[in-house]
N, C-alpha and C. Protein backbone atom coordinates (compact mmCIF):
# COMPACT_ATOMS: atom_id res chain seq x y z
N UNK A 1 58.34 -59.42 -39.37
CA UNK A 1 58.18 -60.01 -38.05
C UNK A 1 58.44 -59.00 -36.93
N UNK A 2 59.30 -58.02 -37.17
CA UNK A 2 59.60 -57.03 -36.14
C UNK A 2 58.34 -56.28 -35.74
N UNK A 3 57.50 -55.97 -36.70
CA UNK A 3 56.27 -55.26 -36.39
C UNK A 3 55.37 -56.10 -35.49
N UNK A 4 55.31 -57.37 -35.75
CA UNK A 4 54.50 -58.24 -34.91
C UNK A 4 55.04 -58.30 -33.49
N UNK A 5 56.38 -58.33 -33.34
CA UNK A 5 56.98 -58.33 -32.01
C UNK A 5 56.70 -57.01 -31.31
N UNK A 6 56.82 -55.92 -32.04
CA UNK A 6 56.54 -54.60 -31.46
C UNK A 6 55.08 -54.51 -31.03
N UNK A 7 54.21 -54.98 -31.89
CA UNK A 7 52.79 -54.93 -31.57
C UNK A 7 52.48 -55.80 -30.35
N UNK A 8 53.08 -56.97 -30.29
CA UNK A 8 52.87 -57.86 -29.14
C UNK A 8 53.40 -57.23 -27.86
N UNK A 9 54.54 -56.56 -27.95
CA UNK A 9 55.11 -55.88 -26.79
C UNK A 9 54.18 -54.77 -26.32
N UNK A 10 53.64 -54.01 -27.27
CA UNK A 10 52.71 -52.92 -26.92
C UNK A 10 51.44 -53.48 -26.31
N UNK A 11 50.94 -54.57 -26.86
CA UNK A 11 49.74 -55.19 -26.29
C UNK A 11 50.00 -55.68 -24.87
N UNK A 12 51.19 -56.23 -24.65
CA UNK A 12 51.56 -56.68 -23.31
C UNK A 12 51.62 -55.51 -22.33
N UNK A 13 52.17 -54.39 -22.78
CA UNK A 13 52.24 -53.19 -21.94
C UNK A 13 50.83 -52.68 -21.63
N UNK A 14 49.98 -52.68 -22.65
CA UNK A 14 48.61 -52.22 -22.45
C UNK A 14 47.89 -53.10 -21.42
N UNK A 15 48.09 -54.39 -21.52
CA UNK A 15 47.44 -55.31 -20.59
C UNK A 15 47.95 -55.08 -19.17
N UNK A 16 49.25 -54.88 -19.01
CA UNK A 16 49.81 -54.60 -17.68
C UNK A 16 49.24 -53.32 -17.10
N UNK A 17 49.16 -52.28 -17.94
CA UNK A 17 48.63 -51.00 -17.46
C UNK A 17 47.15 -51.12 -17.10
N UNK A 18 46.42 -51.87 -17.88
CA UNK A 18 45.00 -52.08 -17.59
C UNK A 18 44.83 -52.82 -16.27
N UNK A 19 45.61 -53.85 -16.05
CA UNK A 19 45.53 -54.61 -14.80
C UNK A 19 45.88 -53.73 -13.61
N UNK A 20 46.91 -52.89 -13.75
CA UNK A 20 47.30 -51.98 -12.67
C UNK A 20 46.19 -50.97 -12.42
N UNK A 21 45.59 -50.44 -13.49
CA UNK A 21 44.50 -49.47 -13.35
C UNK A 21 43.32 -50.10 -12.62
N UNK A 22 43.00 -51.35 -12.95
CA UNK A 22 41.90 -52.04 -12.29
C UNK A 22 42.21 -52.25 -10.81
N UNK A 23 43.44 -52.62 -10.50
CA UNK A 23 43.84 -52.82 -9.11
C UNK A 23 43.79 -51.50 -8.34
N UNK A 24 44.27 -50.42 -8.97
CA UNK A 24 44.22 -49.11 -8.33
C UNK A 24 42.78 -48.69 -8.07
N UNK A 25 41.92 -48.93 -9.03
CA UNK A 25 40.52 -48.56 -8.91
C UNK A 25 39.85 -49.34 -7.78
N UNK A 26 40.17 -50.60 -7.64
CA UNK A 26 39.57 -51.43 -6.59
C UNK A 26 39.93 -50.93 -5.20
N UNK A 27 41.05 -50.21 -5.10
CA UNK A 27 41.50 -49.68 -3.81
C UNK A 27 40.78 -48.38 -3.44
N UNK A 28 40.14 -47.73 -4.41
CA UNK A 28 39.48 -46.45 -4.16
C UNK A 28 38.10 -46.67 -3.56
N UNK A 29 37.62 -45.64 -2.89
CA UNK A 29 36.32 -45.70 -2.24
C UNK A 29 35.49 -44.50 -2.66
N UNK A 30 34.18 -44.70 -2.72
CA UNK A 30 33.24 -43.62 -3.01
C UNK A 30 32.08 -43.75 -2.03
N UNK A 31 31.68 -42.61 -1.49
CA UNK A 31 30.60 -42.65 -0.52
C UNK A 31 29.37 -41.92 -1.04
N UNK A 32 28.25 -42.29 -0.50
CA UNK A 32 27.00 -41.63 -0.81
C UNK A 32 26.18 -41.54 0.46
N UNK A 33 25.38 -40.49 0.56
CA UNK A 33 24.53 -40.35 1.74
C UNK A 33 23.23 -39.69 1.35
N UNK A 34 22.25 -39.83 2.22
CA UNK A 34 20.95 -39.20 2.01
C UNK A 34 20.32 -38.94 3.37
N UNK A 35 19.27 -38.15 3.34
CA UNK A 35 18.58 -37.85 4.59
C UNK A 35 19.46 -37.13 5.58
N UNK A 36 20.32 -36.25 5.07
CA UNK A 36 21.22 -35.51 5.97
C UNK A 36 22.21 -36.41 6.67
N UNK A 37 22.59 -37.50 6.02
CA UNK A 37 23.55 -38.44 6.60
C UNK A 37 22.89 -39.59 7.35
N UNK A 38 21.57 -39.66 7.31
CA UNK A 38 20.86 -40.74 7.99
C UNK A 38 21.17 -42.10 7.37
N UNK A 39 21.43 -42.09 6.07
CA UNK A 39 21.83 -43.31 5.37
C UNK A 39 23.15 -43.01 4.68
N UNK A 40 24.14 -43.86 4.94
CA UNK A 40 25.47 -43.69 4.35
C UNK A 40 25.92 -45.02 3.77
N UNK A 41 26.52 -44.93 2.58
CA UNK A 41 27.00 -46.14 1.92
C UNK A 41 28.40 -45.86 1.36
N UNK A 42 29.24 -46.87 1.40
CA UNK A 42 30.58 -46.77 0.83
C UNK A 42 30.75 -47.92 -0.15
N UNK A 43 31.14 -47.56 -1.39
CA UNK A 43 31.40 -48.55 -2.44
C UNK A 43 32.88 -48.53 -2.78
N UNK A 44 33.38 -49.67 -3.22
CA UNK A 44 34.74 -49.71 -3.74
C UNK A 44 34.69 -49.31 -5.21
N UNK A 45 35.85 -48.98 -5.76
CA UNK A 45 35.93 -48.68 -7.18
C UNK A 45 35.57 -49.87 -8.04
N UNK A 46 35.58 -51.05 -7.45
CA UNK A 46 35.18 -52.27 -8.14
C UNK A 46 33.69 -52.56 -8.01
N UNK A 47 32.93 -51.58 -7.55
CA UNK A 47 31.46 -51.65 -7.45
C UNK A 47 30.97 -52.64 -6.40
N UNK A 48 31.72 -52.80 -5.32
CA UNK A 48 31.26 -53.65 -4.22
C UNK A 48 30.90 -52.76 -3.04
N UNK A 49 29.84 -53.14 -2.34
CA UNK A 49 29.43 -52.40 -1.15
C UNK A 49 30.40 -52.75 -0.03
N UNK A 50 31.05 -51.72 0.48
CA UNK A 50 31.97 -51.92 1.61
C UNK A 50 31.23 -51.75 2.93
N UNK A 51 30.35 -50.76 2.98
CA UNK A 51 29.58 -50.57 4.21
C UNK A 51 28.27 -49.84 3.92
N UNK A 52 27.31 -50.08 4.79
CA UNK A 52 26.02 -49.42 4.73
C UNK A 52 25.61 -49.14 6.16
N UNK A 53 25.34 -47.86 6.44
CA UNK A 53 24.93 -47.48 7.79
C UNK A 53 23.58 -46.77 7.68
N UNK A 54 22.67 -47.18 8.56
CA UNK A 54 21.34 -46.57 8.61
C UNK A 54 21.09 -46.11 10.04
N UNK A 55 20.82 -44.82 10.18
CA UNK A 55 20.51 -44.25 11.48
C UNK A 55 19.16 -44.79 11.94
N UNK A 56 19.08 -45.26 13.17
CA UNK A 56 17.85 -45.92 13.63
C UNK A 56 16.65 -44.98 13.67
N UNK A 57 16.89 -43.67 13.68
CA UNK A 57 15.78 -42.73 13.70
C UNK A 57 14.96 -42.76 12.40
N UNK A 58 15.57 -43.23 11.30
CA UNK A 58 14.83 -43.27 10.03
C UNK A 58 14.16 -44.62 9.77
N UNK A 59 14.26 -45.50 10.74
CA UNK A 59 13.61 -46.81 10.60
C UNK A 59 12.21 -46.72 11.19
N UNK A 60 11.24 -46.68 10.32
CA UNK A 60 9.83 -46.59 10.71
C UNK A 60 9.09 -47.73 10.02
N UNK A 61 8.65 -48.73 10.77
CA UNK A 61 7.96 -49.87 10.15
C UNK A 61 6.72 -49.46 9.36
N UNK A 62 6.16 -48.29 9.67
CA UNK A 62 4.97 -47.83 8.96
C UNK A 62 5.32 -47.02 7.71
N UNK A 63 6.61 -46.78 7.49
CA UNK A 63 7.01 -46.00 6.31
C UNK A 63 8.28 -46.60 5.69
N UNK A 64 8.16 -47.85 5.28
CA UNK A 64 9.28 -48.57 4.68
C UNK A 64 9.73 -47.89 3.39
N UNK A 65 8.79 -47.31 2.65
CA UNK A 65 9.12 -46.66 1.38
C UNK A 65 10.12 -45.52 1.56
N UNK A 66 9.99 -44.77 2.67
CA UNK A 66 10.93 -43.68 2.91
C UNK A 66 12.36 -44.23 3.06
N UNK A 67 12.50 -45.29 3.82
CA UNK A 67 13.82 -45.89 4.01
C UNK A 67 14.36 -46.43 2.69
N UNK A 68 13.50 -47.06 1.91
CA UNK A 68 13.92 -47.55 0.59
C UNK A 68 14.41 -46.39 -0.29
N UNK A 69 13.68 -45.28 -0.25
CA UNK A 69 14.08 -44.10 -1.03
C UNK A 69 15.43 -43.55 -0.56
N UNK A 70 15.64 -43.51 0.75
CA UNK A 70 16.90 -43.00 1.29
C UNK A 70 18.08 -43.89 0.88
N UNK A 71 17.89 -45.21 0.96
CA UNK A 71 18.95 -46.14 0.57
C UNK A 71 19.23 -46.01 -0.92
N UNK A 72 18.17 -45.91 -1.71
CA UNK A 72 18.34 -45.77 -3.16
C UNK A 72 19.09 -44.49 -3.50
N UNK A 73 18.75 -43.39 -2.86
CA UNK A 73 19.42 -42.11 -3.13
C UNK A 73 20.90 -42.18 -2.74
N UNK A 74 21.20 -42.74 -1.59
CA UNK A 74 22.59 -42.84 -1.16
C UNK A 74 23.39 -43.74 -2.10
N UNK A 75 22.79 -44.85 -2.52
CA UNK A 75 23.45 -45.77 -3.43
C UNK A 75 23.70 -45.11 -4.79
N UNK A 76 22.72 -44.40 -5.30
CA UNK A 76 22.89 -43.73 -6.59
C UNK A 76 23.99 -42.67 -6.53
N UNK A 77 24.08 -41.96 -5.42
CA UNK A 77 25.15 -40.96 -5.27
C UNK A 77 26.51 -41.64 -5.29
N UNK A 78 26.65 -42.73 -4.54
CA UNK A 78 27.92 -43.45 -4.50
C UNK A 78 28.26 -44.04 -5.87
N UNK A 79 27.27 -44.58 -6.56
CA UNK A 79 27.51 -45.15 -7.89
C UNK A 79 27.97 -44.09 -8.87
N UNK A 80 27.40 -42.90 -8.80
CA UNK A 80 27.83 -41.81 -9.69
C UNK A 80 29.29 -41.46 -9.42
N UNK A 81 29.69 -41.48 -8.15
CA UNK A 81 31.08 -41.18 -7.81
C UNK A 81 32.02 -42.28 -8.32
N UNK A 82 31.60 -43.53 -8.21
CA UNK A 82 32.42 -44.64 -8.73
C UNK A 82 32.57 -44.50 -10.24
N UNK A 83 31.49 -44.16 -10.92
CA UNK A 83 31.57 -43.99 -12.38
C UNK A 83 32.55 -42.87 -12.73
N UNK A 84 32.55 -41.80 -11.96
CA UNK A 84 33.49 -40.71 -12.21
C UNK A 84 34.93 -41.19 -11.98
N UNK A 85 35.14 -41.99 -10.94
CA UNK A 85 36.47 -42.56 -10.70
C UNK A 85 36.89 -43.44 -11.88
N UNK A 86 35.97 -44.26 -12.36
CA UNK A 86 36.28 -45.15 -13.47
C UNK A 86 36.62 -44.36 -14.73
N UNK A 87 35.86 -43.32 -15.02
CA UNK A 87 36.13 -42.50 -16.21
C UNK A 87 37.49 -41.81 -16.08
N UNK A 88 37.80 -41.33 -14.89
CA UNK A 88 39.10 -40.70 -14.68
C UNK A 88 40.23 -41.69 -14.89
N UNK A 89 40.05 -42.89 -14.39
CA UNK A 89 41.06 -43.93 -14.55
C UNK A 89 41.20 -44.30 -16.02
N UNK A 90 40.09 -44.43 -16.72
CA UNK A 90 40.11 -44.78 -18.13
C UNK A 90 40.78 -43.69 -18.96
N UNK A 91 40.46 -42.43 -18.64
CA UNK A 91 41.08 -41.31 -19.37
C UNK A 91 42.58 -41.29 -19.13
N UNK A 92 43.00 -41.54 -17.89
CA UNK A 92 44.42 -41.58 -17.59
C UNK A 92 45.13 -42.72 -18.32
N UNK A 93 44.48 -43.85 -18.37
CA UNK A 93 45.03 -45.01 -19.07
C UNK A 93 45.13 -44.73 -20.56
N UNK A 94 44.10 -44.16 -21.13
CA UNK A 94 44.10 -43.84 -22.57
C UNK A 94 45.19 -42.83 -22.87
N UNK A 95 45.36 -41.86 -21.99
CA UNK A 95 46.41 -40.85 -22.20
C UNK A 95 47.79 -41.46 -22.13
N UNK A 96 48.00 -42.37 -21.20
CA UNK A 96 49.32 -42.98 -21.07
C UNK A 96 49.64 -43.90 -22.24
N UNK A 97 48.60 -44.35 -22.93
CA UNK A 97 48.81 -45.21 -24.09
C UNK A 97 48.84 -44.40 -25.40
N UNK A 98 48.66 -43.09 -25.25
CA UNK A 98 48.68 -42.24 -26.45
C UNK A 98 47.44 -42.39 -27.31
N UNK A 99 46.32 -42.70 -26.68
CA UNK A 99 45.08 -42.90 -27.43
C UNK A 99 44.23 -41.63 -27.48
N UNK A 100 44.70 -40.57 -26.88
CA UNK A 100 43.92 -39.33 -26.88
C UNK A 100 42.83 -39.37 -25.84
N UNK A 101 41.92 -38.42 -25.92
CA UNK A 101 40.86 -38.31 -24.93
C UNK A 101 39.83 -39.40 -25.07
N UNK A 102 39.23 -39.72 -23.94
CA UNK A 102 38.15 -40.71 -23.91
C UNK A 102 36.85 -39.92 -23.76
N UNK A 103 35.91 -40.09 -24.67
CA UNK A 103 34.66 -39.34 -24.55
C UNK A 103 33.91 -39.71 -23.29
N UNK A 104 33.31 -38.73 -22.66
CA UNK A 104 32.54 -38.98 -21.45
C UNK A 104 31.14 -38.78 -21.72
C-alpha cells in the first residue's frame, strides 16, 4: 500500500506542477508582425488573440488578398513563438519531474 500512496502523492505533485505551468504559460505573450510592422498581433501562451493592429495604409479594398497574407504571416509568426514557449514550459516541467528531455 505504501507504493500506492507514494505513487498517488507523485501524481498529485505532477498535477499541481502541470496546473502551475499552464497558468504561467497563460500569462506569457508572443507577438508577430508582417509588412514591416504594418500588421501586428499578440497572442497569449494559451493561444488566445490579445490584440490585432492593422496600419490603415495597408488597407486597400482592391487588394484584400495582400491584407489577408499580411495577417496570416503575422499570426503564423506569433503562433510559432507560442509553440516555442509551450515546448520550453513542457521541457522545464519534464525536467522538474525527472522525466528527462522532451523531444522537440
